[in-house]
N, C-alpha and C. Protein backbone atom coordinates (compact mmCIF):
# COMPACT_ATOMS: atom_id res chain seq x y z
N UNK A 1 0.82 -1.19 0.00
CA UNK A 1 0.00 0.00 0.00
C UNK A 1 0.87 1.26 0.00
N UNK A 2 2.00 1.18 0.68
CA UNK A 2 2.88 2.34 0.72
C UNK A 2 3.39 2.64 -0.68
N UNK A 3 3.74 1.60 -1.43
CA UNK A 3 4.20 1.81 -2.80
C UNK A 3 3.11 2.48 -3.63
N UNK A 4 1.87 2.07 -3.45
CA UNK A 4 0.76 2.65 -4.20
C UNK A 4 0.62 4.13 -3.89
N UNK A 5 0.76 4.48 -2.62
CA UNK A 5 0.63 5.89 -2.23
C UNK A 5 1.78 6.74 -2.75
N UNK A 6 2.98 6.18 -2.81
CA UNK A 6 4.16 6.95 -3.20
C UNK A 6 4.55 6.77 -4.66
N UNK A 7 3.83 5.95 -5.41
CA UNK A 7 4.22 5.59 -6.76
C UNK A 7 4.40 6.80 -7.67
N UNK A 8 3.49 7.73 -7.62
CA UNK A 8 3.59 8.91 -8.49
C UNK A 8 4.84 9.71 -8.22
N UNK A 9 5.12 9.95 -6.97
CA UNK A 9 6.32 10.72 -6.62
C UNK A 9 7.60 9.97 -6.98
N UNK A 10 7.62 8.67 -6.70
CA UNK A 10 8.82 7.88 -6.98
C UNK A 10 9.10 7.80 -8.47
N UNK A 11 8.08 7.51 -9.26
CA UNK A 11 8.30 7.36 -10.70
C UNK A 11 8.65 8.70 -11.34
N UNK A 12 8.09 9.78 -10.84
CA UNK A 12 8.41 11.10 -11.37
C UNK A 12 9.86 11.46 -11.06
N UNK A 13 10.33 11.12 -9.87
CA UNK A 13 11.70 11.44 -9.47
C UNK A 13 12.72 10.58 -10.20
N UNK A 14 12.39 9.32 -10.42
CA UNK A 14 13.35 8.39 -11.01
C UNK A 14 13.40 8.51 -12.53
N UNK A 15 12.26 8.46 -13.19
CA UNK A 15 12.28 8.38 -14.65
C UNK A 15 11.31 9.33 -15.33
N UNK A 16 10.76 10.27 -14.61
CA UNK A 16 9.80 11.15 -15.23
C UNK A 16 8.54 10.38 -15.59
N UNK A 17 8.00 10.66 -16.75
CA UNK A 17 6.79 9.98 -17.18
C UNK A 17 7.07 8.81 -18.12
N UNK A 18 8.34 8.53 -18.39
CA UNK A 18 8.65 7.52 -19.40
C UNK A 18 8.51 6.09 -18.91
N UNK A 19 8.82 5.82 -17.66
CA UNK A 19 8.78 4.45 -17.18
C UNK A 19 7.78 4.32 -16.05
N UNK A 20 6.91 3.35 -16.17
CA UNK A 20 5.91 3.08 -15.15
C UNK A 20 6.16 1.68 -14.62
N UNK A 21 6.77 1.60 -13.45
CA UNK A 21 7.08 0.32 -12.83
C UNK A 21 5.81 -0.20 -12.17
N UNK A 22 5.37 -1.40 -12.53
CA UNK A 22 4.08 -1.93 -12.08
C UNK A 22 4.29 -3.01 -11.02
N UNK A 23 4.49 -2.60 -9.79
CA UNK A 23 4.73 -3.54 -8.70
C UNK A 23 3.47 -4.34 -8.37
N UNK A 24 2.30 -3.75 -8.54
CA UNK A 24 1.06 -4.46 -8.23
C UNK A 24 0.93 -5.72 -9.09
N UNK A 25 1.24 -5.61 -10.37
CA UNK A 25 1.19 -6.77 -11.26
C UNK A 25 2.18 -7.84 -10.83
N UNK A 26 3.37 -7.42 -10.42
CA UNK A 26 4.38 -8.38 -9.97
C UNK A 26 3.93 -9.09 -8.71
N UNK A 27 3.34 -8.35 -7.77
CA UNK A 27 2.88 -8.97 -6.52
C UNK A 27 1.74 -9.95 -6.80
N UNK A 28 0.83 -9.58 -7.68
CA UNK A 28 -0.26 -10.50 -8.04
C UNK A 28 0.31 -11.77 -8.67
N UNK A 29 1.29 -11.61 -9.57
CA UNK A 29 1.92 -12.78 -10.20
C UNK A 29 2.62 -13.65 -9.16
N UNK A 30 3.30 -13.02 -8.20
CA UNK A 30 4.00 -13.77 -7.16
C UNK A 30 3.00 -14.54 -6.30
N UNK A 31 1.93 -13.88 -5.90
CA UNK A 31 0.92 -14.56 -5.08
C UNK A 31 0.27 -15.71 -5.83
N UNK A 32 0.03 -15.51 -7.11
CA UNK A 32 -0.54 -16.58 -7.93
C UNK A 32 0.42 -17.77 -8.02
N UNK A 33 1.69 -17.49 -8.18
CA UNK A 33 2.69 -18.56 -8.29
C UNK A 33 2.86 -19.32 -6.97
N UNK A 34 3.03 -18.61 -5.89
CA UNK A 34 3.38 -19.24 -4.61
C UNK A 34 2.18 -19.69 -3.78
N UNK A 35 1.05 -18.98 -3.87
CA UNK A 35 -0.06 -19.27 -2.97
C UNK A 35 -1.36 -19.65 -3.67
N UNK A 36 -1.42 -19.51 -4.98
CA UNK A 36 -2.61 -19.92 -5.71
C UNK A 36 -3.54 -18.77 -6.05
N UNK A 37 -4.64 -19.14 -6.69
CA UNK A 37 -5.54 -18.12 -7.21
C UNK A 37 -6.37 -17.42 -6.14
N UNK A 38 -6.64 -18.09 -5.02
CA UNK A 38 -7.43 -17.46 -3.96
C UNK A 38 -6.77 -16.23 -3.38
N UNK A 39 -5.58 -16.36 -2.79
CA UNK A 39 -4.90 -15.18 -2.24
C UNK A 39 -4.57 -14.12 -3.30
N UNK A 40 -4.23 -14.54 -4.51
CA UNK A 40 -3.91 -13.58 -5.56
C UNK A 40 -5.14 -12.76 -5.95
N UNK A 41 -6.29 -13.41 -6.05
CA UNK A 41 -7.51 -12.68 -6.42
C UNK A 41 -7.96 -11.76 -5.29
N UNK A 42 -7.82 -12.21 -4.05
CA UNK A 42 -8.18 -11.36 -2.91
C UNK A 42 -7.28 -10.13 -2.86
N UNK A 43 -5.98 -10.34 -3.07
CA UNK A 43 -5.05 -9.20 -3.09
C UNK A 43 -5.40 -8.24 -4.22
N UNK A 44 -5.68 -8.76 -5.42
CA UNK A 44 -6.02 -7.91 -6.55
C UNK A 44 -7.26 -7.09 -6.26
N UNK A 45 -8.27 -7.73 -5.69
CA UNK A 45 -9.51 -7.02 -5.36
C UNK A 45 -9.25 -5.96 -4.28
N UNK A 46 -8.54 -6.35 -3.22
CA UNK A 46 -8.26 -5.41 -2.13
C UNK A 46 -7.40 -4.25 -2.57
N UNK A 47 -6.39 -4.52 -3.38
CA UNK A 47 -5.52 -3.45 -3.87
C UNK A 47 -6.30 -2.51 -4.78
N UNK A 48 -7.17 -3.07 -5.62
CA UNK A 48 -8.00 -2.23 -6.47
C UNK A 48 -8.93 -1.35 -5.67
N UNK A 49 -9.54 -1.91 -4.62
CA UNK A 49 -10.40 -1.09 -3.75
C UNK A 49 -9.60 0.01 -3.08
N UNK A 50 -8.41 -0.32 -2.59
CA UNK A 50 -7.57 0.68 -1.94
C UNK A 50 -7.22 1.81 -2.90
N UNK A 51 -6.84 1.48 -4.12
CA UNK A 51 -6.52 2.51 -5.11
C UNK A 51 -7.75 3.34 -5.41
N UNK A 52 -8.92 2.71 -5.51
CA UNK A 52 -10.16 3.45 -5.75
C UNK A 52 -10.45 4.43 -4.62
N UNK A 53 -10.19 4.01 -3.40
CA UNK A 53 -10.48 4.87 -2.24
C UNK A 53 -9.57 6.09 -2.23
N UNK A 54 -8.28 5.90 -2.50
CA UNK A 54 -7.34 7.02 -2.40
C UNK A 54 -7.21 7.83 -3.68
N UNK A 55 -7.77 7.35 -4.78
CA UNK A 55 -7.66 8.10 -6.03
C UNK A 55 -8.95 8.86 -6.31
N UNK A 56 -8.86 9.76 -7.25
CA UNK A 56 -10.03 10.54 -7.62
C UNK A 56 -10.73 10.02 -8.85
N UNK A 57 -10.41 8.82 -9.27
CA UNK A 57 -10.99 8.26 -10.48
C UNK A 57 -12.38 7.72 -10.27
N UNK A 58 -12.99 7.24 -11.33
CA UNK A 58 -14.33 6.65 -11.21
C UNK A 58 -14.30 5.45 -10.26
N UNK A 59 -15.36 5.29 -9.49
CA UNK A 59 -15.43 4.20 -8.52
C UNK A 59 -15.45 2.86 -9.24
N UNK A 60 -14.65 1.94 -8.75
CA UNK A 60 -14.58 0.62 -9.33
C UNK A 60 -13.60 0.49 -10.48
N UNK A 61 -13.06 1.60 -10.93
CA UNK A 61 -12.16 1.62 -12.08
C UNK A 61 -10.88 0.83 -11.80
N UNK A 62 -10.22 1.15 -10.71
CA UNK A 62 -8.97 0.47 -10.36
C UNK A 62 -9.20 -0.98 -9.96
N UNK A 63 -10.33 -1.24 -9.32
CA UNK A 63 -10.65 -2.61 -8.96
C UNK A 63 -10.81 -3.47 -10.21
N UNK A 64 -11.48 -2.94 -11.20
CA UNK A 64 -11.64 -3.65 -12.47
C UNK A 64 -10.28 -3.90 -13.13
N UNK A 65 -9.41 -2.90 -13.11
CA UNK A 65 -8.09 -3.05 -13.72
C UNK A 65 -7.28 -4.13 -12.99
N UNK A 66 -7.27 -4.08 -11.65
CA UNK A 66 -6.50 -5.08 -10.88
C UNK A 66 -7.06 -6.49 -11.07
N UNK A 67 -8.37 -6.62 -11.12
CA UNK A 67 -8.95 -7.94 -11.36
C UNK A 67 -8.68 -8.42 -12.78
N UNK A 68 -8.62 -7.50 -13.73
CA UNK A 68 -8.26 -7.88 -15.10
C UNK A 68 -6.81 -8.35 -15.17
N UNK A 69 -5.93 -7.71 -14.39
CA UNK A 69 -4.54 -8.15 -14.32
C UNK A 69 -4.47 -9.56 -13.75
N UNK A 70 -5.21 -9.80 -12.67
CA UNK A 70 -5.24 -11.15 -12.10
C UNK A 70 -5.75 -12.16 -13.13
N UNK A 71 -6.83 -11.83 -13.80
CA UNK A 71 -7.41 -12.74 -14.79
C UNK A 71 -6.41 -13.02 -15.92
N UNK A 72 -5.73 -11.97 -16.39
CA UNK A 72 -4.73 -12.16 -17.44
C UNK A 72 -3.58 -13.06 -16.99
N UNK A 73 -3.12 -12.85 -15.76
CA UNK A 73 -2.05 -13.70 -15.23
C UNK A 73 -2.53 -15.14 -15.04
N UNK A 74 -3.74 -15.28 -14.54
CA UNK A 74 -4.28 -16.62 -14.31
C UNK A 74 -4.46 -17.38 -15.62
N UNK A 75 -5.05 -16.72 -16.61
CA UNK A 75 -5.23 -17.37 -17.91
C UNK A 75 -3.89 -17.62 -18.60
N UNK A 76 -2.98 -16.68 -18.50
CA UNK A 76 -1.67 -16.84 -19.11
C UNK A 76 -0.86 -17.96 -18.48
N UNK A 77 -1.06 -18.16 -17.17
CA UNK A 77 -0.32 -19.23 -16.49
C UNK A 77 -0.80 -20.61 -16.91
N UNK A 78 -1.94 -20.67 -17.57
CA UNK A 78 -2.41 -21.95 -18.11
C UNK A 78 -1.62 -22.36 -19.35
N UNK A 79 -1.10 -21.36 -20.07
CA UNK A 79 -0.36 -21.62 -21.30
C UNK A 79 1.15 -21.58 -21.11
N UNK A 80 1.61 -20.81 -20.13
CA UNK A 80 3.04 -20.69 -19.87
C UNK A 80 3.34 -21.25 -18.48
N UNK A 81 4.49 -21.86 -18.35
CA UNK A 81 4.91 -22.40 -17.06
C UNK A 81 5.44 -21.25 -16.21
N UNK A 82 4.62 -20.78 -15.30
CA UNK A 82 4.96 -19.60 -14.51
C UNK A 82 6.08 -19.87 -13.51
N UNK A 83 6.48 -21.12 -13.37
CA UNK A 83 7.61 -21.47 -12.50
C UNK A 83 8.95 -21.05 -13.13
N UNK A 84 9.00 -20.94 -14.44
CA UNK A 84 10.25 -20.61 -15.13
C UNK A 84 10.40 -19.10 -15.28
N UNK A 85 11.60 -18.56 -15.02
CA UNK A 85 11.81 -17.11 -15.11
C UNK A 85 11.48 -16.52 -16.49
N UNK A 86 11.81 -17.23 -17.57
CA UNK A 86 11.49 -16.71 -18.90
C UNK A 86 9.98 -16.56 -19.08
N UNK A 87 9.25 -17.56 -18.64
CA UNK A 87 7.80 -17.50 -18.75
C UNK A 87 7.23 -16.38 -17.88
N UNK A 88 7.81 -16.17 -16.72
CA UNK A 88 7.37 -15.08 -15.84
C UNK A 88 7.56 -13.74 -16.54
N UNK A 89 8.71 -13.57 -17.17
CA UNK A 89 9.00 -12.31 -17.87
C UNK A 89 8.02 -12.09 -19.01
N UNK A 90 7.81 -13.12 -19.83
CA UNK A 90 6.91 -13.00 -20.97
C UNK A 90 5.48 -12.74 -20.51
N UNK A 91 5.02 -13.49 -19.53
CA UNK A 91 3.65 -13.35 -19.05
C UNK A 91 3.41 -11.97 -18.46
N UNK A 92 4.31 -11.50 -17.63
CA UNK A 92 4.13 -10.18 -17.02
C UNK A 92 4.20 -9.09 -18.08
N UNK A 93 5.08 -9.21 -19.06
CA UNK A 93 5.16 -8.22 -20.13
C UNK A 93 3.84 -8.15 -20.90
N UNK A 94 3.28 -9.29 -21.23
CA UNK A 94 2.01 -9.32 -21.97
C UNK A 94 0.89 -8.71 -21.13
N UNK A 95 0.83 -9.07 -19.86
CA UNK A 95 -0.24 -8.57 -19.00
C UNK A 95 -0.10 -7.07 -18.77
N UNK A 96 1.12 -6.56 -18.63
CA UNK A 96 1.31 -5.12 -18.47
C UNK A 96 0.84 -4.38 -19.73
N UNK A 97 1.17 -4.91 -20.90
CA UNK A 97 0.72 -4.27 -22.14
C UNK A 97 -0.80 -4.28 -22.24
N UNK A 98 -1.41 -5.43 -21.95
CA UNK A 98 -2.87 -5.51 -22.01
C UNK A 98 -3.52 -4.61 -20.97
N UNK A 99 -2.90 -4.50 -19.80
CA UNK A 99 -3.43 -3.62 -18.76
C UNK A 99 -3.42 -2.16 -19.23
N UNK A 100 -2.33 -1.75 -19.85
CA UNK A 100 -2.23 -0.37 -20.33
C UNK A 100 -3.25 -0.09 -21.43
N UNK A 101 -3.45 -1.05 -22.31
CA UNK A 101 -4.44 -0.89 -23.38
C UNK A 101 -5.85 -0.83 -22.80
N UNK A 102 -6.15 -1.71 -21.83
CA UNK A 102 -7.45 -1.69 -21.17
C UNK A 102 -7.65 -0.38 -20.42
N UNK A 103 -6.62 0.08 -19.75
CA UNK A 103 -6.69 1.35 -19.02
C UNK A 103 -7.00 2.50 -19.96
N UNK A 104 -6.33 2.54 -21.09
CA UNK A 104 -6.58 3.59 -22.08
C UNK A 104 -8.00 3.50 -22.63
N UNK A 105 -8.45 2.29 -22.93
CA UNK A 105 -9.82 2.12 -23.44
C UNK A 105 -10.87 2.54 -22.43
N UNK A 106 -10.68 2.17 -21.18
CA UNK A 106 -11.64 2.57 -20.14
C UNK A 106 -11.61 4.06 -19.88
N UNK A 107 -10.42 4.65 -19.93
CA UNK A 107 -10.33 6.11 -19.77
C UNK A 107 -11.08 6.82 -20.89
N UNK A 108 -10.92 6.34 -22.12
CA UNK A 108 -11.65 6.94 -23.24
C UNK A 108 -13.15 6.78 -23.08
N UNK A 109 -13.57 5.68 -22.46
CA UNK A 109 -14.98 5.41 -22.29
C UNK A 109 -15.61 6.26 -21.18
N UNK A 110 -14.90 6.38 -20.05
CA UNK A 110 -15.49 7.02 -18.88
C UNK A 110 -15.08 8.47 -18.66
N UNK A 111 -13.95 8.88 -19.15
CA UNK A 111 -13.46 10.23 -18.90
C UNK A 111 -13.45 10.99 -20.23
N UNK A 112 -14.26 12.03 -20.32
CA UNK A 112 -14.28 12.79 -21.56
C UNK A 112 -12.98 13.58 -21.75
N UNK A 113 -12.62 13.75 -22.99
CA UNK A 113 -11.45 14.55 -23.37
C UNK A 113 -10.14 14.02 -22.83
N UNK A 114 -9.94 12.75 -22.94
CA UNK A 114 -8.65 12.18 -22.57
C UNK A 114 -7.66 12.48 -23.69
N UNK A 115 -6.53 13.03 -23.32
CA UNK A 115 -5.49 13.35 -24.30
C UNK A 115 -4.51 12.19 -24.36
N UNK A 116 -4.36 11.64 -25.54
CA UNK A 116 -3.45 10.51 -25.75
C UNK A 116 -2.20 11.05 -26.43
N UNK A 117 -1.07 10.84 -25.80
CA UNK A 117 0.19 11.32 -26.38
C UNK A 117 0.61 10.40 -27.52
N UNK A 118 1.36 10.97 -28.45
CA UNK A 118 1.77 10.20 -29.61
C UNK A 118 2.73 9.08 -29.26
N UNK A 119 3.50 9.26 -28.21
CA UNK A 119 4.48 8.24 -27.87
C UNK A 119 3.94 7.26 -26.82
N UNK A 120 2.62 7.06 -26.80
CA UNK A 120 2.01 6.09 -25.89
C UNK A 120 2.58 4.69 -26.08
N UNK A 121 2.76 4.21 -27.31
CA UNK A 121 3.36 2.86 -27.46
C UNK A 121 4.76 2.77 -26.85
N UNK A 122 5.53 3.86 -26.91
CA UNK A 122 6.85 3.87 -26.29
C UNK A 122 6.74 3.79 -24.77
N UNK A 123 5.76 4.47 -24.20
CA UNK A 123 5.53 4.40 -22.75
C UNK A 123 5.15 2.99 -22.32
N UNK A 124 4.27 2.36 -23.10
CA UNK A 124 3.86 0.99 -22.78
C UNK A 124 5.05 0.04 -22.91
N UNK A 125 5.84 0.20 -23.95
CA UNK A 125 7.01 -0.66 -24.13
C UNK A 125 8.00 -0.48 -22.98
N UNK A 126 8.22 0.75 -22.56
CA UNK A 126 9.12 1.00 -21.43
C UNK A 126 8.62 0.37 -20.16
N UNK A 127 7.33 0.50 -19.91
CA UNK A 127 6.73 -0.11 -18.73
C UNK A 127 6.83 -1.63 -18.78
N UNK A 128 6.59 -2.20 -19.96
CA UNK A 128 6.70 -3.65 -20.13
C UNK A 128 8.10 -4.14 -19.83
N UNK A 129 9.09 -3.49 -20.40
CA UNK A 129 10.47 -3.93 -20.25
C UNK A 129 10.93 -3.81 -18.81
N UNK A 130 10.71 -2.66 -18.20
CA UNK A 130 11.18 -2.44 -16.83
C UNK A 130 10.49 -3.39 -15.86
N UNK A 131 9.19 -3.53 -15.98
CA UNK A 131 8.45 -4.40 -15.07
C UNK A 131 8.81 -5.86 -15.29
N UNK A 132 8.80 -6.30 -16.54
CA UNK A 132 9.04 -7.72 -16.83
C UNK A 132 10.45 -8.16 -16.46
N UNK A 133 11.44 -7.34 -16.74
CA UNK A 133 12.81 -7.75 -16.44
C UNK A 133 13.10 -7.77 -14.94
N UNK A 134 12.30 -7.08 -14.16
CA UNK A 134 12.52 -7.08 -12.71
C UNK A 134 11.81 -8.24 -12.01
N UNK A 135 10.98 -8.98 -12.73
CA UNK A 135 10.20 -10.05 -12.11
C UNK A 135 11.06 -11.12 -11.43
N UNK A 136 12.03 -11.75 -12.11
CA UNK A 136 12.80 -12.80 -11.42
C UNK A 136 13.55 -12.28 -10.20
N UNK A 137 14.08 -11.07 -10.30
CA UNK A 137 14.79 -10.48 -9.17
C UNK A 137 13.85 -10.26 -7.99
N UNK A 138 12.69 -9.68 -8.26
CA UNK A 138 11.74 -9.41 -7.17
C UNK A 138 11.13 -10.69 -6.61
N UNK A 139 10.91 -11.69 -7.45
CA UNK A 139 10.44 -12.97 -6.92
C UNK A 139 11.46 -13.55 -5.95
N UNK A 140 12.74 -13.44 -6.28
CA UNK A 140 13.79 -13.89 -5.38
C UNK A 140 13.80 -13.11 -4.08
N UNK A 141 13.61 -11.79 -4.17
CA UNK A 141 13.55 -10.95 -2.97
C UNK A 141 12.35 -11.33 -2.13
N UNK A 142 11.20 -11.52 -2.76
CA UNK A 142 9.99 -11.90 -2.01
C UNK A 142 10.19 -13.26 -1.34
N UNK A 143 10.79 -14.21 -2.05
CA UNK A 143 11.06 -15.53 -1.46
C UNK A 143 11.97 -15.40 -0.25
N UNK A 144 12.98 -14.55 -0.37
CA UNK A 144 13.91 -14.33 0.75
C UNK A 144 13.18 -13.71 1.95
N UNK A 145 12.33 -12.72 1.68
CA UNK A 145 11.60 -12.06 2.76
C UNK A 145 10.60 -12.99 3.44
N UNK A 146 9.97 -13.84 2.66
CA UNK A 146 8.99 -14.78 3.20
C UNK A 146 9.69 -15.95 3.88
N UNK A 147 10.90 -16.25 3.45
CA UNK A 147 11.65 -17.35 4.05
C UNK A 147 11.58 -18.63 3.26
N UNK A 148 11.16 -18.55 2.00
CA UNK A 148 11.14 -19.75 1.16
C UNK A 148 12.55 -20.05 0.70
N UNK A 149 12.93 -21.32 0.67
CA UNK A 149 14.29 -21.66 0.23
C UNK A 149 14.44 -21.44 -1.27
N UNK A 150 15.64 -21.06 -1.66
CA UNK A 150 15.96 -20.91 -3.08
C UNK A 150 15.94 -22.29 -3.72
N UNK A 151 15.39 -22.39 -4.93
CA UNK A 151 15.39 -23.67 -5.63
C UNK A 151 16.76 -23.90 -6.24
N UNK A 152 17.26 -25.11 -6.08
CA UNK A 152 18.57 -25.46 -6.61
C UNK A 152 18.45 -25.76 -8.10
N UNK A 153 19.27 -25.09 -8.90
CA UNK A 153 19.17 -25.29 -10.35
C UNK A 153 19.71 -26.66 -10.77
N UNK A 154 20.44 -27.33 -9.89
CA UNK A 154 20.97 -28.66 -10.23
C UNK A 154 19.90 -29.73 -10.12
N UNK A 155 18.78 -29.39 -9.47
CA UNK A 155 17.67 -30.33 -9.39
C UNK A 155 17.82 -31.35 -8.29
N UNK A 156 18.66 -31.15 -7.34
CA UNK A 156 18.77 -32.17 -6.32
C UNK A 156 19.40 -31.63 -5.14
């Protein structure tokens, strides 16, 4: 929740408007991988409600986005092995791109006079790359914080 509250200030200070690091998507993916769909969906719903409460956007907007992220990760994990770092990177990149497209579509639907910048695809690509490439590292950090043992690559 602290990251959600400080996200605007942090991203503005670090990279301006070019890079949008999506920690919520990474946390949902981690919860889905380690704890299953129940805790991941509850987190997505709760985080969406929290964002709706503290933001000035339309009610239910952020909740819908977070649940769509969960659904995208859940459906994507059926086709990709989310246990493998490459699959984690690909899945999170795809979900971040779809989330940004859904966000733009919903903004156009609910908020009149939304200004779309010409370099929107560049912003989405930057967000995809930064978020997706940080997934294996952050999964390792989360495992360390939770106390899960590192998996041995030798298989034994």
